[in-house]
Amino acid sequence: KSDLSDPIASAVLVLVRPNGERVAVTVKVGRPYVVGELEARCPVAIEGLEPQYSDISGNDTLQALSLAMRFLRLRLDDQLAKGSRLIHLGDDGDDDDDDVDIGALFGER
């Protein structure tokens, strides 16, 4: 696990669990780095939700970054499938809070 104190990208969100509990989470992506001729890794975390993950491996830095982003998307999708919601930090908790558009967050829309 690499240091994620200076991520290349991050987003601060609020996870609202099915029981109404609100948890601030910070999604972080670190700088991909080369390990060997055919291996690179990219650090990722969802702080506030789970411990930092092992760095995601790929054949090169582009693949490592792409797989890291996909991994984060899958972890957040898992929380949504379990009935949680993701909202933006600062939303006041009313029922009309807008959910984070997870597709837009990951560049799919």
C-alpha atoms as a PDB file:
ATOM      1  CA  LYS A   1       0.000   0.000   0.000  1.00  0.00           C
ATOM      2  CA  SER A   2       1.414   3.310  -1.089  1.00  0.00           C
ATOM      3  CA  ASP A   3       1.118   6.665   0.642  1.00  0.00           C
ATOM      4  CA  LEU A   4      -2.070   8.476  -0.366  1.00  0.00           C
ATOM      5  CA  SER A   5      -1.405  11.752   1.455  1.00  0.00           C
ATOM      6  CA  ASP A   6      -1.081  13.585  -1.889  1.00  0.00           C
ATOM      7  CA  PRO A   7      -3.635  11.974  -4.250  1.00  0.00           C
ATOM      8  CA  ILE A   8      -3.877  12.919  -7.917  1.00  0.00           C
ATOM      9  CA  ALA A   9      -7.672  12.875  -7.632  1.00  0.00           C
ATOM     10  CA  SER A  10     -10.219  12.774  -4.835  1.00  0.00           C
ATOM     11  CA  ALA A  11     -13.871  13.364  -4.040  1.00  0.00           C
ATOM     12  CA  VAL A  12     -15.472  13.959  -0.646  1.00  0.00           C
ATOM     13  CA  LEU A  13     -18.949  12.443  -0.396  1.00  0.00           C
ATOM     14  CA  VAL A  14     -21.430  11.327   2.235  1.00  0.00           C
ATOM     15  CA  LEU A  15     -22.568   7.719   2.380  1.00  0.00           C
ATOM     16  CA  VAL A  16     -26.071   7.474   3.815  1.00  0.00           C
ATOM     17  CA  ARG A  17     -26.614   3.946   5.064  1.00  0.00           C
ATOM     18  CA  PRO A  18     -30.080   2.317   4.940  1.00  0.00           C
ATOM     19  CA  ASN A  19     -30.519   3.015   8.682  1.00  0.00           C
ATOM     20  CA  GLY A  20     -29.927   6.751   8.060  1.00  0.00           C
ATOM     21  CA  GLU A  21     -26.386   6.844   9.444  1.00  0.00           C
ATOM     22  CA  ARG A  22     -24.276   9.377   7.543  1.00  0.00           C
ATOM     23  CA  VAL A  23     -20.592   8.658   6.980  1.00  0.00           C
ATOM     24  CA  ALA A  24     -18.187  11.101   5.312  1.00  0.00           C
ATOM     25  CA  VAL A  25     -16.052   9.251   2.781  1.00  0.00           C
ATOM     26  CA  THR A  26     -13.129  10.426   0.704  1.00  0.00           C
ATOM     27  CA  VAL A  27     -12.479   8.569  -2.516  1.00  0.00           C
ATOM     28  CA  LYS A  28      -8.774   8.856  -3.387  1.00  0.00           C
ATOM     29  CA  VAL A  29      -6.623   7.838  -6.346  1.00  0.00           C
ATOM     30  CA  GLY A  30      -2.849   8.033  -6.106  1.00  0.00           C
ATOM     31  CA  ARG A  31      -0.246   8.420  -8.809  1.00  0.00           C
ATOM     32  CA  PRO A  32       0.328   5.187 -10.779  1.00  0.00           C
ATOM     33  CA  TYR A  33       3.903   3.954 -10.605  1.00  0.00           C
ATOM     34  CA  VAL A  34       6.043   1.447 -12.487  1.00  0.00           C
ATOM     35  CA  VAL A  35       7.079  -1.715 -10.644  1.00  0.00           C
ATOM     36  CA  GLY A  36       8.742  -3.637 -13.452  1.00  0.00           C
ATOM     37  CA  GLU A  37       8.849  -4.010 -17.210  1.00  0.00           C
ATOM     38  CA  LEU A  38       5.292  -5.344 -17.397  1.00  0.00           C
ATOM     39  CA  GLU A  39       3.790  -4.152 -14.131  1.00  0.00           C
ATOM     40  CA  ALA A  40       2.567  -0.892 -12.699  1.00  0.00           C
ATOM     41  CA  ARG A  41       0.404  -0.158  -9.671  1.00  0.00           C
ATOM     42  CA  CYS A  42      -2.018   2.524  -8.573  1.00  0.00           C
ATOM     43  CA  PRO A  43      -2.973   3.267  -4.946  1.00  0.00           C
ATOM     44  CA  VAL A  44      -6.649   3.781  -4.089  1.00  0.00           C
ATOM     45  CA  ALA A  45      -8.776   4.271  -0.990  1.00  0.00           C
ATOM     46  CA  ILE A  46     -12.274   5.049   0.173  1.00  0.00           C
ATOM     47  CA  GLU A  47     -11.444   6.593   3.528  1.00  0.00           C
ATOM     48  CA  GLY A  48     -14.239   6.377   6.067  1.00  0.00           C
ATOM     49  CA  LEU A  49     -15.665   3.242   4.492  1.00  0.00           C
ATOM     50  CA  GLU A  50     -12.939   0.590   4.384  1.00  0.00           C
ATOM     51  CA  PRO A  51      -9.220   0.371   5.150  1.00  0.00           C
ATOM     52  CA  GLN A  52      -6.892   1.383   2.318  1.00  0.00           C
ATOM     53  CA  TYR A  53      -6.830  -1.253  -0.377  1.00  0.00           C
ATOM     54  CA  SER A  54      -3.788  -2.939  -1.825  1.00  0.00           C
ATOM     55  CA  ASP A  55      -2.425  -1.027  -4.811  1.00  0.00           C
ATOM     56  CA  ILE A  56      -4.145  -2.057  -8.039  1.00  0.00           C
ATOM     57  CA  SER A  57      -1.867  -3.720 -10.600  1.00  0.00           C
ATOM     58  CA  GLY A  58      -1.813  -3.451 -14.373  1.00  0.00           C
ATOM     59  CA  ASN A  59       0.581  -3.985 -17.267  1.00  0.00           C
ATOM     60  CA  ASP A  60       1.412  -0.259 -17.420  1.00  0.00           C
ATOM     61  CA  THR A  61       0.421   2.924 -15.606  1.00  0.00           C
ATOM     62  CA  LEU A  62      -2.566   3.579 -17.868  1.00  0.00           C
ATOM     63  CA  GLN A  63      -4.029   0.133 -17.244  1.00  0.00           C
ATOM     64  CA  ALA A  64      -3.283   0.353 -13.509  1.00  0.00           C
ATOM     65  CA  LEU A  65      -5.095   3.707 -13.341  1.00  0.00           C
ATOM     66  CA  SER A  66      -8.040   2.426 -15.385  1.00  0.00           C
ATOM     67  CA  LEU A  67      -8.383  -0.699 -13.242  1.00  0.00           C
ATOM     68  CA  ALA A  68      -8.088   1.372 -10.065  1.00  0.00           C
ATOM     69  CA  MET A  69     -10.954   3.605 -11.189  1.00  0.00           C
ATOM     70  CA  ARG A  70     -13.048   0.560 -12.081  1.00  0.00           C
ATOM     71  CA  PHE A  71     -12.305  -0.977  -8.679  1.00  0.00           C
ATOM     72  CA  LEU A  72     -13.463   2.162  -6.859  1.00  0.00           C
ATOM     73  CA  ARG A  73     -16.635   2.243  -8.946  1.00  0.00           C
ATOM     74  CA  LEU A  74     -17.379  -1.393  -8.074  1.00  0.00           C
ATOM     75  CA  ARG A  75     -16.823  -0.765  -4.344  1.00  0.00           C
ATOM     76  CA  LEU A  76     -19.226   2.192  -4.400  1.00  0.00           C
ATOM     77  CA  ASP A  77     -21.747   0.268  -6.529  1.00  0.00           C
ATOM     78  CA  ASP A  78     -21.665  -2.475  -3.886  1.00  0.00           C
ATOM     79  CA  GLN A  79     -22.679   0.030  -1.212  1.00  0.00           C
ATOM     80  CA  LEU A  80     -25.504   1.325  -3.407  1.00  0.00           C
ATOM     81  CA  ALA A  81     -26.710  -2.229  -4.063  1.00  0.00           C
ATOM     82  CA  LYS A  82     -26.903  -2.729  -0.287  1.00  0.00           C
ATOM     83  CA  GLY A  83     -29.336   0.185  -0.038  1.00  0.00           C
ATOM     84  CA  SER A  84     -26.949   3.026   0.791  1.00  0.00           C
ATOM     85  CA  ARG A  85     -27.001   6.387  -0.988  1.00  0.00           C
ATOM     86  CA  LEU A  86     -24.188   8.721  -1.926  1.00  0.00           C
ATOM     87  CA  ILE A  87     -24.749  12.455  -1.605  1.00  0.00           C
ATOM     88  CA  HIS A  88     -22.462  15.459  -1.807  1.00  0.00           C
ATOM     89  CA  LEU A  89     -20.812  16.742   1.354  1.00  0.00           C
ATOM     90  CA  GLY A  90     -22.789  19.685   2.670  1.00  0.00           C
ATOM     91  CA  ASP A  91     -26.231  18.392   1.678  1.00  0.00           C
ATOM     92  CA  ASP A  92     -28.442  19.006   4.706  1.00  0.00           C
ATOM     93  CA  GLY A  93     -29.944  15.524   5.010  1.00  0.00           C
ATOM     94  CA  ASP A  94     -33.422  16.281   3.682  1.00  0.00           C
ATOM     95  CA  ASP A  95     -35.204  13.635   1.666  1.00  0.00           C
ATOM     96  CA  ASP A  96     -34.739  15.758  -1.437  1.00  0.00           C
ATOM     97  CA  ASP A  97     -30.927  15.490  -1.316  1.00  0.00           C
ATOM     98  CA  ASP A  98     -29.679  14.742  -4.791  1.00  0.00           C
ATOM     99  CA  ASP A  99     -27.855  11.460  -5.067  1.00  0.00           C
ATOM    100  CA  VAL A 100     -24.410  11.575  -6.613  1.00  0.00           C
ATOM    101  CA  ASP A 101     -24.626  10.511 -10.247  1.00  0.00           C
ATOM    102  CA  ILE A 102     -22.127   7.662  -9.991  1.00  0.00           C
ATOM    103  CA  GLY A 103     -21.935   7.332 -13.768  1.00  0.00           C
ATOM    104  CA  ALA A 104     -21.032  10.985 -14.160  1.00  0.00           C
ATOM    105  CA  LEU A 105     -18.539  10.741 -11.290  1.00  0.00           C
ATOM    106  CA  PHE A 106     -16.678   8.058 -13.226  1.00  0.00           C
ATOM    107  CA  GLY A 107     -16.995   9.719 -16.631  1.00  0.00           C
ATOM    108  CA  GLU A 108     -19.700   7.489 -18.064  1.00  0.00           C
ATOM    109  CA  ARG A 109     -22.187  10.274 -18.810  1.00  0.00           C
END
